[in-house]
Amino acid sequence: MENNQPQEHVHVLIIGSGPAGYTAAIYAARANLKPVLYQGIQPGGQLTITTEVENYPGYPEGIQGPEMMVDFEKQASRMGADIRYGMASSVDFSSQPYKVTIDEEKVISADAVIIATGASAKWLNLPSEQRLNGSGVSACAVCDGFFFRNKDVAIVGAGDTACEEALYLSKLCTTVHMFVRRHEMRASMVMQDRVLKASNIIVYWNTETEEVLGDKKVHGVRVRNNKTNEVKEIPVEAFFVAIGHQPNSAIFKDYLELDEADYILTEPGSSRTKLEGVFACGDVQDKIYRQAVTAAGSGCMAALDAERYLSAKGLH
């Protein structure tokens, strides 16, 4: 880490701004820990690419994901959290106080660090998928579905997110072709039921995506049935990928313990990592539940854990 980079010391640094990060900021600010929160590459986290949130307590009529995250941010600001634009580009946790570099140019040292960096969409890693990304290939139906109104589109995935996005697309698009690799979905039964009842969603079971077709923009997709080996080309104008997420933990791998899927490991029943004074919450450490409400709950845990740690150290 360069010594000539501008430096600043803060009491509590929160990295990330989804439900976990903002909730940690609310609790830390109310505890007078003077938290500084950097919002990261996607301010508001994954909920900013979600439409209707129906399962978060306190919103009886439901709420749009982006609107909900604005509410979280406003509440954290009102409590006194210092919320900033910027992304953590590297960390140095080799000694205390821990150092985090923001946007490769500013170093923040902190008495305690709360990691709430969330997770990012996974891709199929097809050359055509990457080549046509932004030209009909997308990992966010809510962001890009509008551009394909009254068109035929395709989506790959089998979880709740894939079902939610397929249903969203079904309200905009003429036909939604949904490709599921196995003979069943992972999604909750209520979401599966909605998809299977949608008149313009066609589900293809045991189906692998071989190639997205098109030169400068998507005009079709080639799929193969992995039971019969039948190959077919389906004309579509967009291809949406909804196959899961990768935790945003890469910059911490040299200092923290990660599991086989790169989620940060925390002590059971807490947000504590193997480094004292470093806490992790939300989807960067939760591969089981991955809900807004559980992320918010773990953000609360992280702030309380940080407060107790700082008190024990005589720093609060």
Protein backbone atom coordinates (compact mmCIF):
# COMPACT_ATOMS: atom_id res chain seq x y z
CA MET A 1 0.00 0.00 0.00
CA GLU A 2 1.43 3.31 -1.05
CA ASN A 3 2.50 5.62 1.78
CA ASN A 4 1.77 8.73 -0.25
CA GLN A 5 -1.92 7.94 -0.65
CA PRO A 6 -4.27 10.26 1.26
CA GLN A 7 -5.28 8.65 4.56
CA GLU A 8 -8.15 9.04 6.98
CA HIS A 9 -8.91 7.25 10.23
CA VAL A 10 -12.47 6.30 11.16
CA HIS A 11 -13.97 4.50 14.12
CA VAL A 12 -16.16 2.02 12.23
CA LEU A 13 -15.94 1.42 8.48
CA ILE A 14 -18.83 -0.31 6.69
CA ILE A 15 -18.13 -1.66 3.21
CA GLY A 16 -21.30 -2.13 1.16
CA SER A 17 -24.81 -0.72 1.09
CA GLY A 18 -27.52 -3.33 0.80
CA PRO A 19 -29.92 -4.15 3.65
CA ALA A 20 -27.01 -5.50 5.71
CA GLY A 21 -24.75 -2.47 5.29
CA TYR A 22 -27.46 0.11 5.85
CA THR A 23 -28.84 -1.71 8.91
CA ALA A 24 -25.33 -1.94 10.36
CA ALA A 25 -24.99 1.81 9.74
CA ILE A 26 -28.30 2.55 11.49
CA TYR A 27 -27.32 0.57 14.59
CA ALA A 28 -23.72 1.79 14.65
CA ALA A 29 -24.80 5.42 14.29
CA ARG A 30 -27.37 5.10 17.08
CA ALA A 31 -24.60 3.66 19.26
CA ASN A 32 -22.51 6.77 18.54
CA LEU A 33 -19.85 4.76 16.70
CA LYS A 34 -19.72 7.42 13.94
CA PRO A 35 -19.78 4.88 11.10
CA VAL A 36 -18.53 5.69 7.63
CA LEU A 37 -20.20 3.62 4.90
CA TYR A 38 -18.91 3.24 1.35
CA GLN A 39 -21.71 2.21 -0.99
CA GLY A 40 -19.65 0.12 -3.41
CA ILE A 41 -20.16 -0.61 -7.08
CA GLN A 42 -23.95 -1.06 -6.73
CA PRO A 43 -25.37 1.40 -4.17
CA GLY A 44 -28.30 -0.29 -2.50
CA GLY A 45 -27.12 -3.76 -3.45
CA GLN A 46 -29.13 -6.43 -5.25
CA LEU A 47 -32.47 -4.99 -4.17
CA THR A 48 -31.92 -2.15 -6.61
CA ILE A 49 -32.45 -4.70 -9.41
CA THR A 50 -35.56 -6.21 -7.80
CA THR A 51 -39.12 -5.17 -8.53
CA GLU A 52 -41.84 -5.81 -5.99
CA VAL A 53 -40.69 -6.82 -2.50
CA GLU A 54 -43.66 -8.49 -0.82
CA ASN A 55 -41.97 -10.37 2.02
CA TYR A 56 -40.25 -7.62 4.01
CA PRO A 57 -42.14 -6.83 7.25
CA GLY A 58 -43.62 -3.36 7.57
CA TYR A 59 -44.63 -2.91 3.94
CA PRO A 60 -48.16 -4.39 3.85
CA GLU A 61 -48.75 -3.32 0.25
CA GLY A 62 -45.26 -4.35 -0.88
CA ILE A 63 -42.57 -1.96 -2.09
CA GLN A 64 -40.24 -1.62 -5.06
CA GLY A 65 -36.71 -2.77 -4.23
CA PRO A 66 -34.97 0.49 -5.24
CA GLU A 67 -37.48 2.55 -3.25
CA MET A 68 -36.91 0.36 -0.20
CA MET A 69 -33.15 0.90 -0.41
CA VAL A 70 -33.67 4.68 -0.63
CA ASP A 71 -35.67 4.40 2.61
CA PHE A 72 -32.82 2.44 4.24
CA GLU A 73 -30.26 5.01 3.13
CA LYS A 74 -32.36 7.95 4.36
CA GLN A 75 -32.80 6.30 7.75
CA ALA A 76 -29.07 5.59 8.10
CA SER A 77 -28.27 9.20 7.14
CA ARG A 78 -30.82 10.57 9.59
CA MET A 79 -29.17 8.56 12.38
CA GLY A 80 -25.85 10.18 11.56
CA ALA A 81 -24.07 7.64 9.36
CA ASP A 82 -21.55 9.17 6.94
CA ILE A 83 -22.59 7.60 3.61
CA ARG A 84 -20.17 7.99 0.71
CA TYR A 85 -19.81 6.91 -2.90
CA GLY A 86 -16.79 4.72 -3.56
CA MET A 87 -15.69 1.10 -3.78
CA ALA A 88 -13.19 -0.80 -1.65
CA SER A 89 -10.51 -1.85 -4.13
CA SER A 90 -8.06 -3.56 -1.73
CA VAL A 91 -7.50 -4.17 1.96
CA ASP A 92 -4.56 -4.60 4.33
CA PHE A 93 -5.66 -6.55 7.38
CA SER A 94 -2.11 -7.59 8.34
CA SER A 95 -2.06 -5.27 11.36
CA GLN A 96 -4.33 -2.94 13.28
CA PRO A 97 -5.75 -0.47 12.59
CA TYR A 98 -6.99 -2.24 9.47
CA LYS A 99 -6.62 -0.37 6.19
CA VAL A 100 -9.00 -0.29 3.25
CA THR A 101 -8.19 1.44 -0.04
CA ILE A 102 -11.13 3.17 -1.72
CA ASP A 103 -11.17 3.46 -5.53
CA GLU A 104 -7.43 2.64 -5.58
CA GLU A 105 -6.57 6.10 -4.30
CA LYS A 106 -7.64 6.81 -0.71
CA VAL A 107 -6.70 4.74 2.35
CA ILE A 108 -9.15 4.51 5.25
CA SER A 109 -7.90 3.03 8.52
CA ALA A 110 -10.49 1.81 10.98
CA ASP A 111 -10.79 0.47 14.51
CA ALA A 112 -13.47 -1.94 13.30
CA VAL A 113 -14.55 -3.04 9.81
CA ILE A 114 -17.97 -4.38 8.86
CA ILE A 115 -18.02 -6.18 5.50
CA ALA A 116 -21.39 -6.07 3.73
CA THR A 117 -20.24 -6.38 0.11
CA GLY A 118 -23.01 -8.78 -0.92
CA ALA A 119 -22.90 -10.97 -4.00
CA SER A 120 -22.93 -10.55 -7.79
CA ALA A 121 -24.67 -12.39 -10.59
CA LYS A 122 -23.05 -15.50 -12.04
CA TRP A 123 -22.71 -16.09 -15.79
CA LEU A 124 -22.70 -19.21 -17.96
CA ASN A 125 -19.28 -18.19 -19.34
CA LEU A 126 -20.21 -18.74 -22.96
CA PRO A 127 -18.12 -16.64 -25.38
CA SER A 128 -21.30 -15.47 -27.13
CA GLU A 129 -22.86 -14.51 -23.79
CA GLN A 130 -19.96 -12.21 -22.98
CA ARG A 131 -19.69 -10.86 -26.53
CA LEU A 132 -23.39 -9.94 -26.60
CA ASN A 133 -23.56 -8.68 -23.02
CA GLY A 134 -25.38 -5.36 -23.29
CA SER A 135 -26.62 -6.21 -26.78
CA GLY A 136 -29.44 -8.47 -25.71
CA VAL A 137 -27.68 -10.51 -23.02
CA SER A 138 -28.34 -9.38 -19.47
CA ALA A 139 -28.18 -10.61 -15.86
CA CYS A 140 -30.93 -8.23 -14.81
CA ALA A 141 -34.41 -8.63 -16.27
CA VAL A 142 -35.71 -5.76 -14.17
CA CYS A 143 -33.04 -3.43 -15.55
CA ASP A 144 -33.31 -4.42 -19.19
CA GLY A 145 -36.64 -6.15 -19.76
CA PHE A 146 -38.28 -2.85 -20.73
CA PHE A 147 -36.18 -2.73 -23.91
CA PHE A 148 -37.79 -5.97 -25.13
CA ARG A 149 -41.47 -5.21 -24.69
CA ASN A 150 -43.68 -7.30 -26.96
CA LYS A 151 -40.68 -9.44 -28.00
CA ASP A 152 -39.79 -13.09 -27.44
CA VAL A 153 -37.06 -13.56 -24.82
CA ALA A 154 -35.28 -16.37 -22.97
CA ILE A 155 -34.12 -16.82 -19.40
CA VAL A 156 -31.93 -19.50 -17.81
CA GLY A 157 -32.19 -20.45 -14.15
CA ALA A 158 -34.18 -22.50 -11.65
CA GLY A 159 -34.25 -20.56 -8.38
CA ASP A 160 -36.52 -17.92 -6.90
CA THR A 161 -34.67 -15.12 -8.70
CA ALA A 162 -35.07 -16.85 -12.07
CA CYS A 163 -38.80 -17.35 -11.42
CA GLU A 164 -39.24 -13.75 -10.28
CA GLU A 165 -37.46 -12.43 -13.35
CA ALA A 166 -39.37 -14.77 -15.68
CA LEU A 167 -42.66 -13.50 -14.20
CA TYR A 168 -41.50 -9.91 -14.56
CA LEU A 169 -40.61 -10.52 -18.21
CA SER A 170 -43.93 -12.27 -18.82
CA LYS A 171 -45.70 -8.99 -18.06
CA LEU A 172 -43.68 -7.16 -20.72
CA CYS A 173 -42.79 -9.71 -23.36
CA THR A 174 -44.80 -11.81 -25.79
CA THR A 175 -43.22 -15.17 -24.86
CA VAL A 176 -40.64 -16.11 -22.21
CA HIS A 177 -38.64 -19.30 -22.87
CA MET A 178 -37.27 -20.57 -19.55
CA PHE A 179 -34.43 -23.10 -19.54
CA VAL A 180 -33.97 -25.36 -16.49
CA ARG A 181 -30.94 -27.68 -16.43
CA ARG A 182 -32.55 -30.37 -14.31
CA HIS A 183 -35.98 -32.04 -14.21
CA GLU A 184 -37.04 -29.77 -11.34
CA MET A 185 -36.54 -26.22 -10.03
CA ARG A 186 -34.86 -25.10 -6.82
CA ALA A 187 -37.35 -22.27 -6.39
CA SER A 188 -39.96 -22.14 -3.63
CA MET A 189 -43.23 -23.85 -4.51
CA VAL A 190 -45.18 -20.59 -4.60
CA MET A 191 -42.79 -19.15 -7.20
CA GLN A 192 -42.77 -22.36 -9.28
CA ASP A 193 -46.55 -22.39 -9.21
CA ARG A 194 -46.75 -18.82 -10.50
CA VAL A 195 -44.35 -19.58 -13.34
CA LEU A 196 -46.11 -22.77 -14.40
CA LYS A 197 -49.47 -20.98 -14.39
CA ALA A 198 -48.22 -18.08 -16.53
CA SER A 199 -49.69 -18.55 -19.99
CA ASN A 200 -46.73 -17.06 -21.87
CA ILE A 201 -43.84 -18.74 -20.01
CA ILE A 202 -42.64 -21.96 -21.66
CA VAL A 203 -40.46 -24.07 -19.35
CA TYR A 204 -37.86 -26.38 -20.94
CA TRP A 205 -36.72 -29.08 -18.49
CA ASN A 206 -33.33 -30.87 -18.65
CA THR A 207 -32.11 -28.13 -20.98
CA GLU A 208 -28.59 -26.73 -21.38
CA THR A 209 -27.80 -23.48 -23.16
CA GLU A 210 -25.15 -24.15 -25.80
CA GLU A 211 -24.88 -20.76 -27.48
CA VAL A 212 -26.47 -17.35 -27.72
CA LEU A 213 -26.99 -16.58 -31.40
CA GLY A 214 -26.31 -13.25 -33.04
CA ASP A 215 -23.52 -11.09 -34.39
CA LYS A 216 -24.19 -7.60 -33.10
CA LYS A 217 -27.36 -8.37 -31.19
CA VAL A 218 -29.20 -11.43 -29.95
CA HIS A 219 -31.50 -13.13 -32.45
CA GLY A 220 -31.77 -16.58 -30.92
CA VAL A 221 -30.43 -19.23 -28.56
CA ARG A 222 -29.32 -22.80 -29.19
CA VAL A 223 -30.22 -25.31 -26.49
CA ARG A 224 -29.77 -29.04 -25.98
CA ASN A 225 -31.93 -31.46 -24.04
CA ASN A 226 -29.47 -33.31 -21.81
CA LYS A 227 -31.70 -36.42 -21.74
CA THR A 228 -32.45 -36.83 -25.44
CA ASN A 229 -29.53 -34.77 -26.88
CA GLU A 230 -32.05 -33.00 -29.12
CA VAL A 231 -30.71 -29.61 -30.21
CA LYS A 232 -33.00 -26.74 -31.15
CA GLU A 233 -32.63 -23.09 -32.01
CA ILE A 234 -35.22 -20.75 -30.58
CA PRO A 235 -35.60 -17.23 -32.00
CA VAL A 236 -35.45 -14.62 -29.21
CA GLU A 237 -34.29 -11.03 -29.00
CA ALA A 238 -32.91 -11.15 -25.46
CA PHE A 239 -31.27 -13.71 -23.20
CA PHE A 240 -31.37 -13.25 -19.42
CA VAL A 241 -29.09 -15.14 -17.03
CA ALA A 242 -30.42 -15.88 -13.54
CA ILE A 243 -28.30 -18.79 -12.27
CA GLY A 244 -27.15 -17.53 -8.91
CA HIS A 245 -24.60 -15.28 -7.34
CA GLN A 246 -20.93 -15.06 -6.42
CA PRO A 247 -20.08 -13.47 -3.06
CA ASN A 248 -18.03 -10.28 -3.43
CA SER A 249 -15.23 -11.52 -1.19
CA ALA A 250 -12.17 -11.62 -3.46
CA ILE A 251 -10.31 -8.68 -1.87
CA PHE A 252 -10.52 -10.35 1.56
CA LYS A 253 -9.30 -13.84 0.62
CA ASP A 254 -5.72 -13.31 1.82
CA TYR A 255 -6.86 -12.38 5.31
CA LEU A 256 -10.18 -14.08 6.07
CA GLU A 257 -11.40 -17.67 5.89
CA LEU A 258 -13.73 -18.39 2.98
CA ASP A 259 -15.74 -21.54 2.32
CA GLU A 260 -15.57 -23.59 -0.89
CA ALA A 261 -17.98 -21.17 -2.61
CA ASP A 262 -16.01 -18.08 -1.40
CA TYR A 263 -18.50 -16.97 1.23
CA ILE A 264 -16.80 -15.39 4.25
CA LEU A 265 -16.87 -17.71 7.26
CA THR A 266 -18.13 -16.24 10.51
CA GLU A 267 -18.38 -17.74 13.98
CA PRO A 268 -21.73 -19.53 14.36
CA GLY A 269 -24.36 -17.22 15.82
CA SER A 270 -22.28 -14.10 15.24
CA SER A 271 -20.83 -11.86 12.56
CA ARG A 272 -17.25 -12.28 13.81
CA THR A 273 -14.62 -13.41 11.32
CA LYS A 274 -11.32 -15.02 12.30
CA LEU A 275 -9.79 -11.51 12.65
CA GLU A 276 -10.79 -9.59 15.73
CA GLY A 277 -12.48 -6.34 14.81
CA VAL A 278 -13.54 -7.55 11.36
CA PHE A 279 -17.20 -8.53 10.95
CA ALA A 280 -19.16 -9.85 7.95
CA CYS A 281 -22.90 -9.69 7.31
CA GLY A 282 -25.44 -10.15 4.54
CA ASP A 283 -25.03 -12.13 1.34
CA VAL A 284 -21.23 -12.10 1.41
CA GLN A 285 -21.44 -14.62 4.28
CA ASP A 286 -24.96 -16.08 3.93
CA LYS A 287 -25.43 -18.68 1.22
CA ILE A 288 -28.46 -20.31 2.84
CA TYR A 289 -31.17 -17.68 3.30
CA ARG A 290 -30.10 -14.71 1.14
CA GLN A 291 -33.16 -12.63 1.96
CA ALA A 292 -33.40 -8.90 2.59
CA VAL A 293 -34.77 -9.47 6.08
CA THR A 294 -32.02 -11.91 7.09
CA ALA A 295 -29.38 -9.59 5.61
CA ALA A 296 -30.79 -6.71 7.65
CA GLY A 297 -30.78 -8.90 10.76
CA SER A 298 -27.15 -9.85 10.22
CA GLY A 299 -26.27 -6.16 9.71
CA CYS A 300 -27.78 -5.49 13.14
CA MET A 301 -25.66 -8.34 14.56
CA ALA A 302 -22.50 -6.93 12.99
CA ALA A 303 -23.04 -3.46 14.47
CA LEU A 304 -23.77 -4.90 17.92
CA ASP A 305 -20.73 -7.20 17.67
CA ALA A 306 -18.57 -4.23 16.63
CA GLU A 307 -19.87 -2.11 19.51
CA ARG A 308 -19.10 -4.86 22.02
CA TYR A 309 -15.66 -5.40 20.55
CA LEU A 310 -14.80 -1.69 20.69
CA SER A 311 -16.11 -1.43 24.27
CA ALA A 312 -14.00 -4.38 25.36
CA LYS A 313 -10.95 -2.76 23.75
CA GLY A 314 -11.66 0.53 25.50
CA LEU A 315 -12.24 2.23 22.16
CA HIS A 316 -15.87 3.13 22.83
